[in-house]
Amino acid sequence: MNTQVRMKSSVADKREGIIPFAPPARNPAPDNNTDQLERAGDTIMGLLHRASDAAHNNSQRALDLSIQLQAAEAQIKDLDAHVRYYQDRAERAEKLLYQISVEIEERFFATTDNRQTQNRPR
């Protein structure tokens, strides 16, 4: 029992040193300055939220565009590789066609020219 009495007295001692807060007024008188400040603060907060949303949307759009740009760059690299491949093939084909035409001229036209000069009356 002694311990219970001591505990109650120490709690009571502690409560005596506490200063209670005044209870909030039930119906405070309207203060036009406070109302205006609150409306201004609410307006500013609303504008900040709108700006934040717009910045987020712009950031997301920029990220999406960046991804599309990277995909387009990869596709351009792939197409450039195809172009180089087909250009090389076209150049090799041109060289081969030139060699064929030279060989045809040498075999058929040079022989015909030699025969014509040999068969001509002198």
C-alpha atoms as a PDB file:
ATOM      1  CA  MET A   1       0.000   0.000   0.000  1.00  0.00           C
ATOM      2  CA  ASN A   2       2.823   2.340   0.728  1.00  0.00           C
ATOM      3  CA  THR A   3       4.013   2.146  -2.871  1.00  0.00           C
ATOM      4  CA  GLN A   4       0.565   3.037  -4.164  1.00  0.00           C
ATOM      5  CA  VAL A   5       0.378   6.105  -1.953  1.00  0.00           C
ATOM      6  CA  ARG A   6       3.808   7.235  -3.064  1.00  0.00           C
ATOM      7  CA  MET A   7       2.920   6.810  -6.738  1.00  0.00           C
ATOM      8  CA  LYS A   8      -0.273   8.823  -6.373  1.00  0.00           C
ATOM      9  CA  SER A   9       1.511  11.615  -4.590  1.00  0.00           C
ATOM     10  CA  SER A  10       4.312  11.760  -7.204  1.00  0.00           C
ATOM     11  CA  VAL A  11       1.745  11.925  -9.992  1.00  0.00           C
ATOM     12  CA  ALA A  12      -0.060  14.692  -8.164  1.00  0.00           C
ATOM     13  CA  ASP A  13       3.240  16.541  -7.661  1.00  0.00           C
ATOM     14  CA  LYS A  14       3.977  16.335 -11.365  1.00  0.00           C
ATOM     15  CA  ARG A  15       0.534  17.598 -12.298  1.00  0.00           C
ATOM     16  CA  GLU A  16       0.899  20.641 -10.135  1.00  0.00           C
ATOM     17  CA  GLY A  17       3.882  21.840 -12.196  1.00  0.00           C
ATOM     18  CA  ILE A  18       1.960  21.536 -15.483  1.00  0.00           C
ATOM     19  CA  ILE A  19       0.296  24.617 -16.863  1.00  0.00           C
ATOM     20  CA  PRO A  20      -2.758  23.621 -18.890  1.00  0.00           C
ATOM     21  CA  PHE A  21      -3.378  25.146 -22.318  1.00  0.00           C
ATOM     22  CA  ALA A  22      -6.395  27.318 -22.696  1.00  0.00           C
ATOM     23  CA  PRO A  23      -9.195  25.487 -24.502  1.00  0.00           C
ATOM     24  CA  PRO A  24      -9.830  26.740 -28.009  1.00  0.00           C
ATOM     25  CA  ALA A  25     -12.615  29.255 -28.321  1.00  0.00           C
ATOM     26  CA  ARG A  26     -15.820  27.692 -29.539  1.00  0.00           C
ATOM     27  CA  ASN A  27     -16.881  30.468 -31.883  1.00  0.00           C
ATOM     28  CA  PRO A  28     -14.016  32.839 -32.428  1.00  0.00           C
ATOM     29  CA  ALA A  29     -14.856  36.206 -33.832  1.00  0.00           C
ATOM     30  CA  PRO A  30     -14.228  36.246 -37.579  1.00  0.00           C
ATOM     31  CA  ASP A  31     -10.964  37.936 -38.371  1.00  0.00           C
ATOM     32  CA  ASN A  32     -10.929  39.243 -41.911  1.00  0.00           C
ATOM     33  CA  ASN A  33      -7.125  39.379 -42.003  1.00  0.00           C
ATOM     34  CA  THR A  34      -6.859  35.738 -40.959  1.00  0.00           C
ATOM     35  CA  ASP A  35      -9.467  34.689 -43.527  1.00  0.00           C
ATOM     36  CA  GLN A  36      -7.673  36.588 -46.268  1.00  0.00           C
ATOM     37  CA  LEU A  37      -4.343  35.060 -45.272  1.00  0.00           C
ATOM     38  CA  GLU A  38      -5.831  31.581 -45.277  1.00  0.00           C
ATOM     39  CA  ARG A  39      -7.440  32.120 -48.687  1.00  0.00           C
ATOM     40  CA  ALA A  40      -4.177  33.506 -50.048  1.00  0.00           C
ATOM     41  CA  GLY A  41      -2.261  30.558 -48.580  1.00  0.00           C
ATOM     42  CA  ASP A  42      -4.781  28.106 -50.035  1.00  0.00           C
ATOM     43  CA  THR A  43      -4.555  29.819 -53.418  1.00  0.00           C
ATOM     44  CA  ILE A  44      -0.760  29.716 -53.353  1.00  0.00           C
ATOM     45  CA  MET A  45      -0.781  26.050 -52.353  1.00  0.00           C
ATOM     46  CA  GLY A  46      -3.238  25.280 -55.148  1.00  0.00           C
ATOM     47  CA  LEU A  47      -1.019  27.064 -57.655  1.00  0.00           C
ATOM     48  CA  LEU A  48       2.021  25.199 -56.355  1.00  0.00           C
ATOM     49  CA  HIS A  49       0.218  21.881 -56.764  1.00  0.00           C
ATOM     50  CA  ARG A  50      -0.798  22.797 -60.310  1.00  0.00           C
ATOM     51  CA  ALA A  51       2.776  23.834 -61.135  1.00  0.00           C
ATOM     52  CA  SER A  52       4.086  20.620 -59.604  1.00  0.00           C
ATOM     53  CA  ASP A  53       1.640  18.548 -61.661  1.00  0.00           C
ATOM     54  CA  ALA A  54       2.565  20.430 -64.830  1.00  0.00           C
ATOM     55  CA  ALA A  55       6.281  19.950 -64.150  1.00  0.00           C
ATOM     56  CA  HIS A  56       5.708  16.240 -63.515  1.00  0.00           C
ATOM     57  CA  ASN A  57       3.719  15.895 -66.756  1.00  0.00           C
ATOM     58  CA  ASN A  58       6.398  17.774 -68.705  1.00  0.00           C
ATOM     59  CA  SER A  59       9.098  15.597 -67.188  1.00  0.00           C
ATOM     60  CA  GLN A  60       7.195  12.432 -68.089  1.00  0.00           C
ATOM     61  CA  ARG A  61       6.640  13.692 -71.624  1.00  0.00           C
ATOM     62  CA  ALA A  62      10.334  14.528 -71.986  1.00  0.00           C
ATOM     63  CA  LEU A  63      11.237  11.060 -70.741  1.00  0.00           C
ATOM     64  CA  ASP A  64       8.850   9.461 -73.246  1.00  0.00           C
ATOM     65  CA  LEU A  65      10.314  11.573 -76.048  1.00  0.00           C
ATOM     66  CA  SER A  66      13.823  10.634 -74.950  1.00  0.00           C
ATOM     67  CA  ILE A  67      12.939   6.945 -75.153  1.00  0.00           C
ATOM     68  CA  GLN A  68      11.433   7.455 -78.622  1.00  0.00           C
ATOM     69  CA  LEU A  69      14.544   9.355 -79.701  1.00  0.00           C
ATOM     70  CA  GLN A  70      16.810   6.542 -78.518  1.00  0.00           C
ATOM     71  CA  ALA A  71      14.701   4.012 -80.433  1.00  0.00           C
ATOM     72  CA  ALA A  72      14.852   6.187 -83.559  1.00  0.00           C
ATOM     73  CA  GLU A  73      18.637   6.546 -83.236  1.00  0.00           C
ATOM     74  CA  ALA A  74      19.004   2.770 -82.953  1.00  0.00           C
ATOM     75  CA  GLN A  75      16.835   2.333 -86.031  1.00  0.00           C
ATOM     76  CA  ILE A  76      18.906   4.912 -87.937  1.00  0.00           C
ATOM     77  CA  LYS A  77      22.114   3.046 -87.050  1.00  0.00           C
ATOM     78  CA  ASP A  78      20.551  -0.182 -88.270  1.00  0.00           C
ATOM     79  CA  LEU A  79      19.425   1.449 -91.517  1.00  0.00           C
ATOM     80  CA  ASP A  80      22.887   3.013 -92.026  1.00  0.00           C
ATOM     81  CA  ALA A  81      24.436  -0.439 -91.693  1.00  0.00           C
ATOM     82  CA  HIS A  82      22.014  -1.773 -94.311  1.00  0.00           C
ATOM     83  CA  VAL A  83      22.819   1.120 -96.644  1.00  0.00           C
ATOM     84  CA  ARG A  84      26.571   0.485 -96.341  1.00  0.00           C
ATOM     85  CA  TYR A  85      26.045  -3.232 -96.965  1.00  0.00           C
ATOM     86  CA  TYR A  86      24.009  -2.646-100.137  1.00  0.00           C
ATOM     87  CA  GLN A  87      26.380   0.088-101.345  1.00  0.00           C
ATOM     88  CA  ASP A  88      29.287  -2.345-101.045  1.00  0.00           C
ATOM     89  CA  ARG A  89      27.317  -4.989-102.934  1.00  0.00           C
ATOM     90  CA  ALA A  90      26.409  -2.489-105.653  1.00  0.00           C
ATOM     91  CA  GLU A  91      30.055  -1.427-106.038  1.00  0.00           C
ATOM     92  CA  ARG A  92      31.190  -5.061-106.307  1.00  0.00           C
ATOM     93  CA  ALA A  93      28.454  -5.734-108.858  1.00  0.00           C
ATOM     94  CA  GLU A  94      29.533  -2.703-110.919  1.00  0.00           C
ATOM     95  CA  LYS A  95      33.160  -3.886-110.888  1.00  0.00           C
ATOM     96  CA  LEU A  96      32.096  -7.384-111.921  1.00  0.00           C
ATOM     97  CA  LEU A  97      29.905  -6.026-114.726  1.00  0.00           C
ATOM     98  CA  TYR A  98      32.779  -3.866-115.934  1.00  0.00           C
ATOM     99  CA  GLN A  99      35.127  -6.870-115.986  1.00  0.00           C
ATOM    100  CA  ILE A 100      32.520  -8.880-117.887  1.00  0.00           C
ATOM    101  CA  SER A 101      32.035  -6.114-120.444  1.00  0.00           C
ATOM    102  CA  VAL A 102      35.808  -5.758-120.945  1.00  0.00           C
ATOM    103  CA  GLU A 103      36.153  -9.507-121.415  1.00  0.00           C
ATOM    104  CA  ILE A 104      33.257  -9.567-123.889  1.00  0.00           C
ATOM    105  CA  GLU A 105      34.809  -6.731-125.877  1.00  0.00           C
ATOM    106  CA  GLU A 106      38.190  -8.442-125.922  1.00  0.00           C
ATOM    107  CA  ARG A 107      36.851 -11.835-126.966  1.00  0.00           C
ATOM    108  CA  PHE A 108      34.163 -10.924-129.430  1.00  0.00           C
ATOM    109  CA  PHE A 109      34.877  -7.479-130.798  1.00  0.00           C
ATOM    110  CA  ALA A 110      38.650  -7.718-130.921  1.00  0.00           C
ATOM    111  CA  THR A 111      38.390 -11.045-132.778  1.00  0.00           C
ATOM    112  CA  THR A 112      35.866  -9.587-135.205  1.00  0.00           C
ATOM    113  CA  ASP A 113      38.080  -6.570-135.831  1.00  0.00           C
ATOM    114  CA  ASN A 114      41.093  -8.831-136.459  1.00  0.00           C
ATOM    115  CA  ARG A 115      39.107 -10.979-138.936  1.00  0.00           C
ATOM    116  CA  GLN A 116      37.812  -7.950-140.778  1.00  0.00           C
ATOM    117  CA  THR A 117      41.283  -6.497-141.200  1.00  0.00           C
ATOM    118  CA  GLN A 118      42.620  -9.869-142.327  1.00  0.00           C
ATOM    119  CA  ASN A 119      39.818 -10.433-144.861  1.00  0.00           C
ATOM    120  CA  ARG A 120      40.018  -6.999-146.405  1.00  0.00           C
ATOM    121  CA  PRO A 121      41.650  -6.759-149.766  1.00  0.00           C
ATOM    122  CA  ARG A 122      44.889  -4.969-149.713  1.00  0.00           C
END
